[in-house]
Amino acid sequence: MSAIKTVTESAEAKMIQSLAHLEESLSRIRAGKANVHILDNVKVQYYGSMVPLSNVATVSTPDAKTITILAWEKNMMKVIEKAILDSDVGITPENNGEIIRLGIPPLTEERRKQLVKQSKAEAENSKIGVRNARRDAIEASKKAVKGGVSEDEGKETEEAVQKIHDKYLKKVDEVLAAKEKEIMTV
């Protein structure tokens, strides 16, 4: 029985991981509102190594349309500005020597549709991860049945894994619907 429980727990852990990855990916998609997570992938040169922007500056959102970056060292202002320009953020920074501001432009209808499409692709990747976890769990259950576990326990495991699978697919759809609503809200 413990082997069967291990199979379902392992499958659920993989499904949780897939959902968490989706949430992280969607948080990086700009939805017309200022969100510090759109700068998560920006790396800056700092004493010979590439480090995340958040390691050399304070990033905040004073209002819904602005992101401010306050470098901890004055000499980093130009480096941070160049890193943002070179990144795929798509926003030109305004550097006044004290603070860097990113004005979040309003999204066009076409751009909103592209972002929804990108969000759907991320959600589909997450669903694939959930399905793969279910497949792996069912295969492990079948191996356990061949290894001496009763067929009833194998069937119960498959049913339990299917219920967990359905629960996480529903959560993926909920997360996607919330992101779509956020993107399409003008």
Protein backbone atom coordinates (compact mmCIF):
# COMPACT_ATOMS: atom_id res chain seq x y z
CA MET A 1 0.00 0.00 0.00
CA SER A 2 2.88 2.39 0.74
CA ALA A 3 4.25 2.00 -2.80
CA ILE A 4 0.85 3.02 -4.18
CA LYS A 5 0.69 6.03 -1.86
CA THR A 6 4.17 7.04 -2.95
CA VAL A 7 3.06 6.92 -6.60
CA THR A 8 0.12 9.28 -6.02
CA GLU A 9 2.16 11.66 -3.85
CA SER A 10 4.92 11.79 -6.45
CA ALA A 11 2.40 12.48 -9.22
CA GLU A 12 0.75 15.25 -7.22
CA ALA A 13 4.13 16.83 -6.44
CA LYS A 14 4.94 16.93 -10.16
CA MET A 15 1.53 18.46 -10.92
CA ILE A 16 2.03 21.12 -8.23
CA GLN A 17 5.42 21.91 -9.75
CA SER A 18 3.87 22.27 -13.19
CA LEU A 19 1.20 24.65 -11.85
CA ALA A 20 3.81 26.72 -9.97
CA HIS A 21 5.88 27.03 -13.15
CA LEU A 22 2.80 28.27 -15.02
CA GLU A 23 2.08 30.90 -12.37
CA GLU A 24 5.68 32.10 -12.51
CA SER A 25 5.66 32.24 -16.31
CA LEU A 26 2.39 34.17 -16.41
CA SER A 27 3.64 36.66 -13.83
CA ARG A 28 6.33 37.71 -16.31
CA ILE A 29 3.81 38.51 -19.04
CA ARG A 30 3.14 42.23 -19.09
CA ALA A 31 -0.58 42.94 -18.84
CA GLY A 32 -0.61 46.72 -19.15
CA LYS A 33 -0.06 47.25 -15.43
CA ALA A 34 3.29 47.80 -13.74
CA ASN A 35 4.65 44.51 -12.40
CA VAL A 36 8.20 44.11 -11.09
CA HIS A 37 8.28 40.50 -12.33
CA ILE A 38 8.69 41.64 -15.94
CA LEU A 39 12.28 42.51 -14.95
CA ASP A 40 13.05 39.09 -13.43
CA ASN A 41 15.01 37.97 -16.50
CA VAL A 42 17.13 41.14 -16.71
CA LYS A 43 20.76 40.45 -15.77
CA VAL A 44 23.39 43.15 -15.19
CA GLN A 45 27.19 43.08 -15.22
CA TYR A 46 28.35 43.52 -11.61
CA TYR A 47 32.02 43.16 -10.69
CA GLY A 48 32.71 40.67 -13.45
CA SER A 49 29.62 38.48 -13.20
CA MET A 50 26.06 38.59 -14.48
CA VAL A 51 23.54 38.97 -11.65
CA PRO A 52 19.76 39.55 -11.53
CA LEU A 53 18.69 43.20 -11.48
CA SER A 54 17.12 42.73 -8.05
CA ASN A 55 20.61 41.95 -6.62
CA VAL A 56 21.92 45.46 -7.40
CA ALA A 57 18.85 47.70 -7.12
CA THR A 58 15.48 48.18 -5.47
CA VAL A 59 12.66 47.65 -7.97
CA SER A 60 9.22 48.99 -7.05
CA THR A 61 5.90 50.12 -8.52
CA PRO A 62 4.83 53.51 -7.19
CA ASP A 63 1.69 53.45 -9.34
CA ALA A 64 -0.07 51.21 -11.87
CA LYS A 65 1.80 52.62 -14.88
CA THR A 66 5.37 53.05 -13.56
CA ILE A 67 8.22 50.85 -12.37
CA THR A 68 11.09 52.57 -10.57
CA ILE A 69 14.60 51.20 -10.15
CA LEU A 70 16.88 52.67 -7.49
CA ALA A 71 20.45 51.42 -7.88
CA TRP A 72 22.34 50.73 -4.66
CA GLU A 73 25.49 52.18 -6.22
CA LYS A 74 25.44 55.31 -8.41
CA ASN A 75 27.93 53.85 -10.90
CA MET A 76 25.41 51.06 -11.71
CA MET A 77 22.82 53.43 -13.25
CA LYS A 78 24.23 53.26 -16.80
CA VAL A 79 24.82 49.50 -16.55
CA ILE A 80 21.22 48.89 -15.42
CA GLU A 81 19.85 51.17 -18.14
CA LYS A 82 21.87 49.32 -20.82
CA ALA A 83 20.75 45.91 -19.47
CA ILE A 84 17.09 46.95 -19.70
CA LEU A 85 17.58 48.28 -23.24
CA ASP A 86 19.31 45.03 -24.29
CA SER A 87 16.63 42.82 -22.71
CA ASP A 88 13.32 41.69 -24.23
CA VAL A 89 11.26 43.91 -21.88
CA GLY A 90 10.47 46.29 -24.74
CA ILE A 91 10.31 49.47 -22.62
CA THR A 92 12.77 52.34 -22.89
CA PRO A 93 14.06 53.40 -19.46
CA GLU A 94 14.20 57.04 -18.36
CA ASN A 95 17.37 57.71 -16.33
CA ASN A 96 17.63 61.03 -14.47
CA GLY A 97 20.84 60.11 -12.63
CA GLU A 98 19.02 59.36 -9.37
CA ILE A 99 16.40 56.83 -10.37
CA ILE A 100 15.42 54.86 -13.48
CA ARG A 101 11.75 54.92 -14.45
CA LEU A 102 9.94 52.58 -16.80
CA GLY A 103 6.64 53.94 -18.05
CA ILE A 104 4.34 51.06 -18.89
CA PRO A 105 2.60 51.96 -22.17
CA PRO A 106 -1.06 50.99 -22.65
CA LEU A 107 -1.49 47.80 -24.67
CA THR A 108 -3.10 47.81 -28.08
CA GLU A 109 -5.90 45.34 -28.80
CA GLU A 110 -3.59 43.39 -31.12
CA ARG A 111 -0.88 43.16 -28.44
CA ARG A 112 -3.44 42.02 -25.86
CA LYS A 113 -4.49 39.20 -28.18
CA GLN A 114 -0.83 38.19 -28.65
CA LEU A 115 -0.34 38.11 -24.87
CA VAL A 116 -3.47 35.97 -24.42
CA LYS A 117 -2.15 33.59 -27.08
CA GLN A 118 1.23 33.44 -25.29
CA SER A 119 -0.56 32.78 -21.99
CA LYS A 120 -2.56 29.95 -23.56
CA ALA A 121 0.66 28.38 -24.86
CA GLU A 122 2.16 28.53 -21.34
CA ALA A 123 -1.01 26.95 -19.92
CA GLU A 124 -0.90 24.18 -22.52
CA ASN A 125 2.72 23.42 -21.55
CA SER A 126 1.59 23.20 -17.95
CA LYS A 127 -1.24 20.83 -18.89
CA ILE A 128 1.27 18.64 -20.73
CA GLY A 129 3.34 18.48 -17.54
CA VAL A 130 0.27 17.46 -15.54
CA ARG A 131 -0.64 14.78 -18.11
CA ASN A 132 2.93 13.45 -18.13
CA ALA A 133 2.84 13.14 -14.34
CA ARG A 134 -0.42 11.18 -14.61
CA ARG A 135 1.04 8.91 -17.30
CA ASP A 136 4.16 8.22 -15.22
CA ALA A 137 2.04 7.44 -12.16
CA ILE A 138 -0.20 5.04 -14.07
CA GLU A 139 2.85 3.28 -15.53
CA ALA A 140 4.34 2.96 -12.04
CA SER A 141 1.02 1.56 -10.79
CA LYS A 142 0.96 -1.04 -13.57
CA LYS A 143 4.53 -2.05 -12.74
CA ALA A 144 3.54 -2.41 -9.09
CA VAL A 145 0.65 -4.68 -10.10
CA LYS A 146 3.07 -6.83 -12.10
CA GLY A 147 5.36 -6.82 -9.07
CA GLY A 148 2.76 -8.34 -6.78
CA VAL A 149 0.36 -5.56 -5.76
CA SER A 150 -3.30 -6.50 -6.15
CA GLU A 151 -5.15 -5.38 -9.26
CA ASP A 152 -7.77 -3.64 -7.09
CA GLU A 153 -5.08 -1.47 -5.50
CA GLY A 154 -3.71 -0.71 -8.95
CA LYS A 155 -7.15 0.39 -10.17
CA GLU A 156 -7.71 2.48 -7.03
CA THR A 157 -4.37 4.18 -7.61
CA GLU A 158 -5.21 4.93 -11.22
CA GLU A 159 -8.57 6.41 -10.17
CA ALA A 160 -6.90 8.52 -7.45
CA VAL A 161 -4.27 9.78 -9.89
CA GLN A 162 -7.01 10.62 -12.41
CA LYS A 163 -8.88 12.67 -9.77
CA ILE A 164 -5.69 14.55 -8.88
CA HIS A 165 -5.04 15.10 -12.61
CA ASP A 166 -8.53 16.53 -13.15
CA LYS A 167 -8.12 18.83 -10.12
CA TYR A 168 -4.86 20.29 -11.45
CA LEU A 169 -6.13 20.71 -15.00
CA LYS A 170 -9.02 22.70 -13.54
CA LYS A 171 -6.55 24.84 -11.54
CA VAL A 172 -4.50 25.49 -14.71
CA ASP A 173 -7.68 26.64 -16.48
CA GLU A 174 -8.54 28.92 -13.53
CA VAL A 175 -5.07 30.51 -13.51
CA LEU A 176 -5.26 31.02 -17.29
CA ALA A 177 -8.75 32.57 -17.08
CA ALA A 178 -7.56 35.01 -14.41
CA LYS A 179 -4.55 36.03 -16.54
CA GLU A 180 -6.72 36.43 -19.65
CA LYS A 181 -9.09 38.67 -17.70
CA GLU A 182 -6.13 40.72 -16.42
CA ILE A 183 -4.71 41.12 -19.93
CA MET A 184 -8.00 42.01 -21.59
CA THR A 185 -9.05 44.52 -18.91
CA VAL A 186 -8.46 47.99 -20.30
